N, C-alpha and C. Protein backbone atom coordinates (compact mmCIF):
# COMPACT_ATOMS: atom_id res chain seq x y z
N UNK A 1 -47.79 8.33 -154.44
CA UNK A 1 -48.26 7.01 -154.82
C UNK A 1 -49.67 7.06 -155.41
N UNK A 2 -50.52 7.90 -154.88
CA UNK A 2 -51.89 7.99 -155.37
C UNK A 2 -51.96 8.56 -156.77
N UNK A 3 -50.97 9.34 -157.17
CA UNK A 3 -50.96 9.93 -158.50
C UNK A 3 -50.96 8.83 -159.55
N UNK A 4 -50.21 7.78 -159.33
CA UNK A 4 -50.14 6.68 -160.29
C UNK A 4 -51.47 5.95 -160.40
N UNK A 5 -52.17 5.80 -159.30
CA UNK A 5 -53.48 5.14 -159.31
C UNK A 5 -54.48 5.96 -160.11
N UNK A 6 -54.45 7.26 -159.95
CA UNK A 6 -55.37 8.13 -160.67
C UNK A 6 -55.09 8.06 -162.16
N UNK A 7 -53.83 8.14 -162.55
CA UNK A 7 -53.48 8.07 -163.96
C UNK A 7 -53.90 6.73 -164.55
N UNK A 8 -53.70 5.65 -163.80
CA UNK A 8 -54.06 4.33 -164.28
C UNK A 8 -55.58 4.22 -164.47
N UNK A 9 -56.35 4.71 -163.49
CA UNK A 9 -57.80 4.60 -163.59
C UNK A 9 -58.33 5.47 -164.73
N UNK A 10 -57.73 6.65 -164.95
CA UNK A 10 -58.14 7.50 -166.07
C UNK A 10 -57.85 6.82 -167.40
N UNK A 11 -56.73 6.14 -167.50
CA UNK A 11 -56.37 5.43 -168.72
C UNK A 11 -57.34 4.28 -168.98
N UNK A 12 -57.70 3.56 -167.92
CA UNK A 12 -58.65 2.47 -168.06
C UNK A 12 -60.02 2.99 -168.46
N UNK A 13 -60.44 4.09 -167.85
CA UNK A 13 -61.74 4.68 -168.18
C UNK A 13 -61.75 5.17 -169.63
N UNK A 14 -60.67 5.80 -170.05
CA UNK A 14 -60.57 6.30 -171.41
C UNK A 14 -60.65 5.14 -172.40
N UNK A 15 -59.97 4.05 -172.10
CA UNK A 15 -59.96 2.88 -172.97
C UNK A 15 -61.38 2.29 -173.07
N UNK A 16 -62.08 2.24 -171.93
CA UNK A 16 -63.45 1.71 -171.91
C UNK A 16 -64.37 2.61 -172.73
N UNK A 17 -64.20 3.95 -172.61
CA UNK A 17 -65.02 4.90 -173.35
C UNK A 17 -64.80 4.71 -174.87
N UNK A 18 -63.55 4.52 -175.27
CA UNK A 18 -63.23 4.30 -176.68
C UNK A 18 -63.89 3.03 -177.19
N UNK A 19 -63.87 1.98 -176.37
CA UNK A 19 -64.48 0.70 -176.74
C UNK A 19 -65.98 0.87 -176.91
N UNK A 20 -66.62 1.59 -175.98
CA UNK A 20 -68.07 1.84 -176.06
C UNK A 20 -68.41 2.65 -177.31
N UNK A 21 -67.59 3.67 -177.60
CA UNK A 21 -67.85 4.49 -178.79
C UNK A 21 -67.72 3.66 -180.06
N UNK A 22 -66.73 2.81 -180.12
CA UNK A 22 -66.53 1.95 -181.29
C UNK A 22 -67.73 1.02 -181.46
N UNK A 23 -68.18 0.43 -180.37
CA UNK A 23 -69.34 -0.46 -180.42
C UNK A 23 -70.57 0.31 -180.90
N UNK A 24 -70.76 1.52 -180.37
CA UNK A 24 -71.88 2.37 -180.75
C UNK A 24 -71.86 2.66 -182.25
N UNK A 25 -70.71 3.08 -182.75
CA UNK A 25 -70.60 3.43 -184.17
C UNK A 25 -70.90 2.22 -185.06
N UNK A 26 -70.43 1.03 -184.67
CA UNK A 26 -70.68 -0.17 -185.46
C UNK A 26 -72.14 -0.60 -185.39
N UNK A 27 -72.71 -0.61 -184.20
CA UNK A 27 -74.07 -1.08 -184.00
C UNK A 27 -75.10 -0.14 -184.62
N UNK A 28 -74.92 1.16 -184.44
CA UNK A 28 -75.88 2.14 -184.93
C UNK A 28 -75.54 2.65 -186.33
N UNK A 29 -74.41 2.18 -186.89
CA UNK A 29 -73.93 2.67 -188.18
C UNK A 29 -73.90 4.20 -188.16
N UNK A 30 -73.32 4.74 -187.11
CA UNK A 30 -73.28 6.19 -186.86
C UNK A 30 -71.94 6.73 -187.31
N UNK A 31 -71.93 7.52 -188.37
CA UNK A 31 -70.66 8.04 -188.90
C UNK A 31 -70.52 9.54 -188.73
N UNK A 32 -71.51 10.18 -188.08
CA UNK A 32 -71.41 11.62 -187.82
C UNK A 32 -70.52 11.87 -186.61
N UNK A 33 -70.11 13.12 -186.46
CA UNK A 33 -69.34 13.50 -185.29
C UNK A 33 -70.25 13.42 -184.06
N UNK A 34 -69.72 12.90 -182.96
CA UNK A 34 -70.51 12.78 -181.74
C UNK A 34 -70.46 14.11 -181.00
N UNK A 35 -71.62 14.77 -180.96
CA UNK A 35 -71.75 16.08 -180.32
C UNK A 35 -72.93 16.03 -179.36
N UNK A 36 -72.73 16.56 -178.17
CA UNK A 36 -73.80 16.62 -177.19
C UNK A 36 -74.71 17.78 -177.55
N UNK A 37 -75.96 17.49 -177.90
CA UNK A 37 -76.90 18.54 -178.30
C UNK A 37 -77.74 19.04 -177.13
N UNK A 38 -77.82 18.24 -176.06
CA UNK A 38 -78.61 18.62 -174.89
C UNK A 38 -78.27 17.66 -173.76
N UNK A 39 -78.69 17.99 -172.56
CA UNK A 39 -78.58 17.06 -171.44
C UNK A 39 -79.97 16.86 -170.87
N UNK A 40 -80.17 15.71 -170.25
CA UNK A 40 -81.48 15.39 -169.69
C UNK A 40 -81.29 14.55 -168.44
N UNK A 41 -82.31 14.55 -167.60
CA UNK A 41 -82.32 13.73 -166.40
C UNK A 41 -83.37 12.63 -166.58
N UNK A 42 -83.00 11.41 -166.26
CA UNK A 42 -83.95 10.29 -166.34
C UNK A 42 -84.98 10.43 -165.23
N UNK A 43 -86.25 10.39 -165.59
CA UNK A 43 -87.32 10.54 -164.60
C UNK A 43 -87.62 9.24 -163.87
N UNK A 44 -87.34 8.11 -164.52
CA UNK A 44 -87.61 6.82 -163.88
C UNK A 44 -86.57 5.81 -164.34
N UNK A 45 -86.46 4.74 -163.60
CA UNK A 45 -85.53 3.67 -163.96
C UNK A 45 -86.16 2.80 -165.02
N UNK A 46 -85.40 2.53 -166.07
CA UNK A 46 -85.89 1.71 -167.17
C UNK A 46 -84.80 0.71 -167.56
N UNK A 47 -85.07 -0.59 -167.44
CA UNK A 47 -84.09 -1.58 -167.90
C UNK A 47 -84.09 -1.62 -169.43
N UNK A 48 -83.02 -2.11 -170.01
CA UNK A 48 -82.98 -2.19 -171.47
C UNK A 48 -83.63 -3.50 -171.92
N UNK A 49 -84.45 -3.41 -172.93
CA UNK A 49 -85.10 -4.60 -173.48
C UNK A 49 -84.28 -5.18 -174.63
N UNK A 50 -83.52 -4.30 -175.30
CA UNK A 50 -82.66 -4.71 -176.41
C UNK A 50 -81.26 -4.17 -176.15
N UNK A 51 -80.29 -4.66 -176.85
CA UNK A 51 -78.90 -4.20 -176.68
C UNK A 51 -78.74 -2.74 -177.09
N UNK A 52 -79.58 -2.27 -178.01
CA UNK A 52 -79.46 -0.89 -178.48
C UNK A 52 -80.15 0.10 -177.54
N UNK A 53 -80.91 -0.40 -176.56
CA UNK A 53 -81.54 0.48 -175.58
C UNK A 53 -80.56 0.74 -174.43
N UNK A 54 -80.57 1.95 -173.93
CA UNK A 54 -79.70 2.32 -172.82
C UNK A 54 -80.46 2.16 -171.51
N UNK A 55 -80.01 1.28 -170.61
CA UNK A 55 -80.69 1.19 -169.31
C UNK A 55 -80.41 2.45 -168.51
N UNK A 56 -81.45 3.03 -167.90
CA UNK A 56 -81.26 4.27 -167.14
C UNK A 56 -81.80 4.11 -165.73
N UNK A 57 -81.24 4.89 -164.83
CA UNK A 57 -81.65 4.92 -163.44
C UNK A 57 -82.27 6.28 -163.16
N UNK A 58 -83.32 6.30 -162.35
CA UNK A 58 -83.99 7.57 -162.02
C UNK A 58 -82.98 8.56 -161.45
N UNK A 59 -82.99 9.78 -161.96
CA UNK A 59 -82.08 10.83 -161.51
C UNK A 59 -80.76 10.88 -162.24
N UNK A 60 -80.50 9.91 -163.09
CA UNK A 60 -79.23 9.85 -163.83
C UNK A 60 -79.20 10.94 -164.90
N UNK A 61 -78.06 11.62 -165.03
CA UNK A 61 -77.91 12.63 -166.07
C UNK A 61 -77.36 11.98 -167.33
N UNK A 62 -77.98 12.33 -168.45
CA UNK A 62 -77.59 11.75 -169.73
C UNK A 62 -77.27 12.86 -170.73
N UNK A 63 -76.30 12.59 -171.61
CA UNK A 63 -75.99 13.48 -172.71
C UNK A 63 -76.81 13.04 -173.91
N UNK A 64 -77.57 13.94 -174.49
CA UNK A 64 -78.35 13.64 -175.69
C UNK A 64 -77.43 13.87 -176.88
N UNK A 65 -77.21 12.82 -177.67
CA UNK A 65 -76.28 12.87 -178.79
C UNK A 65 -77.01 13.17 -180.09
N UNK A 66 -78.17 12.57 -180.28
CA UNK A 66 -78.88 12.75 -181.55
C UNK A 66 -80.36 12.48 -181.34
N UNK A 67 -81.17 13.15 -182.13
CA UNK A 67 -82.62 12.96 -182.10
C UNK A 67 -82.97 12.06 -183.28
N UNK A 68 -83.79 11.05 -183.02
CA UNK A 68 -84.17 10.11 -184.07
C UNK A 68 -85.62 10.36 -184.48
N UNK A 69 -86.04 9.69 -185.52
CA UNK A 69 -87.44 9.75 -185.89
C UNK A 69 -88.24 8.98 -184.84
N UNK A 70 -89.40 9.47 -184.52
CA UNK A 70 -90.19 8.80 -183.50
C UNK A 70 -89.98 9.45 -182.15
N UNK A 71 -90.15 8.68 -181.09
CA UNK A 71 -90.10 9.25 -179.74
C UNK A 71 -88.87 8.81 -178.94
N UNK A 72 -87.79 8.49 -179.63
CA UNK A 72 -86.56 8.09 -178.94
C UNK A 72 -85.41 9.02 -179.32
N UNK A 73 -84.45 9.14 -178.40
CA UNK A 73 -83.23 9.89 -178.67
C UNK A 73 -82.04 8.99 -178.36
N UNK A 74 -80.92 9.29 -178.97
CA UNK A 74 -79.69 8.55 -178.67
C UNK A 74 -78.99 9.30 -177.55
N UNK A 75 -78.71 8.59 -176.46
CA UNK A 75 -78.08 9.19 -175.29
C UNK A 75 -76.79 8.46 -174.92
N UNK A 76 -75.99 9.16 -174.10
CA UNK A 76 -74.76 8.58 -173.55
C UNK A 76 -74.82 8.79 -172.04
N UNK A 77 -74.50 7.75 -171.28
CA UNK A 77 -74.48 7.91 -169.82
C UNK A 77 -73.08 8.23 -169.33
N UNK A 78 -72.92 8.37 -168.03
CA UNK A 78 -71.63 8.77 -167.45
C UNK A 78 -70.55 7.71 -167.64
N UNK A 79 -70.95 6.47 -167.90
CA UNK A 79 -69.98 5.39 -168.13
C UNK A 79 -69.55 5.30 -169.58
N UNK A 80 -70.14 6.14 -170.44
CA UNK A 80 -69.77 6.15 -171.84
C UNK A 80 -70.59 5.22 -172.70
N UNK A 81 -71.63 4.58 -172.14
CA UNK A 81 -72.48 3.70 -172.93
C UNK A 81 -73.51 4.51 -173.69
N UNK A 82 -73.82 4.05 -174.88
CA UNK A 82 -74.77 4.73 -175.76
C UNK A 82 -75.99 3.85 -175.96
N UNK A 83 -77.12 4.49 -176.27
CA UNK A 83 -78.31 3.72 -176.59
C UNK A 83 -79.52 4.62 -176.72
N UNK A 84 -80.60 4.00 -177.17
CA UNK A 84 -81.86 4.71 -177.31
C UNK A 84 -82.55 4.85 -175.96
N UNK A 85 -83.16 6.02 -175.75
CA UNK A 85 -83.98 6.28 -174.57
C UNK A 85 -85.24 6.98 -175.06
N UNK A 86 -86.40 6.54 -174.57
CA UNK A 86 -87.65 7.18 -174.95
C UNK A 86 -87.73 8.57 -174.33
N UNK A 87 -88.20 9.53 -175.09
CA UNK A 87 -88.30 10.92 -174.63
C UNK A 87 -89.19 11.02 -173.40
N UNK A 88 -90.21 10.17 -173.32
CA UNK A 88 -91.14 10.22 -172.18
C UNK A 88 -90.47 9.88 -170.85
N UNK A 89 -89.29 9.26 -170.89
CA UNK A 89 -88.56 8.92 -169.67
C UNK A 89 -87.57 10.01 -169.24
N UNK A 90 -87.48 11.09 -170.03
CA UNK A 90 -86.48 12.12 -169.79
C UNK A 90 -87.10 13.45 -169.40
N UNK A 91 -86.35 14.19 -168.60
CA UNK A 91 -86.75 15.55 -168.22
C UNK A 91 -85.67 16.50 -168.73
N UNK A 92 -86.04 17.32 -169.70
CA UNK A 92 -85.09 18.29 -170.26
C UNK A 92 -85.22 19.59 -169.48
N UNK A 93 -84.12 20.07 -168.95
CA UNK A 93 -84.17 21.29 -168.14
C UNK A 93 -83.95 22.52 -168.98
């Protein structure tokens, strides 16, 4: 019985990730292939001020997708959400 619950939750998670990726591509006009170039740990909790900013929690691991001009990078969190994060809030190992 638990097998069906796991498959269902994976399908829901996959659908949510696809929705987030679609939103990201439309909002950021991002047409390149999404590749993780690095991983980083958030050093402090930062709420998002704009929709394009990714809210982060201290200790959260993020996938760095792309480096932008200036002091921000595009990151993805474990829930599949994308957004800008300032480099000063990240610890690259």
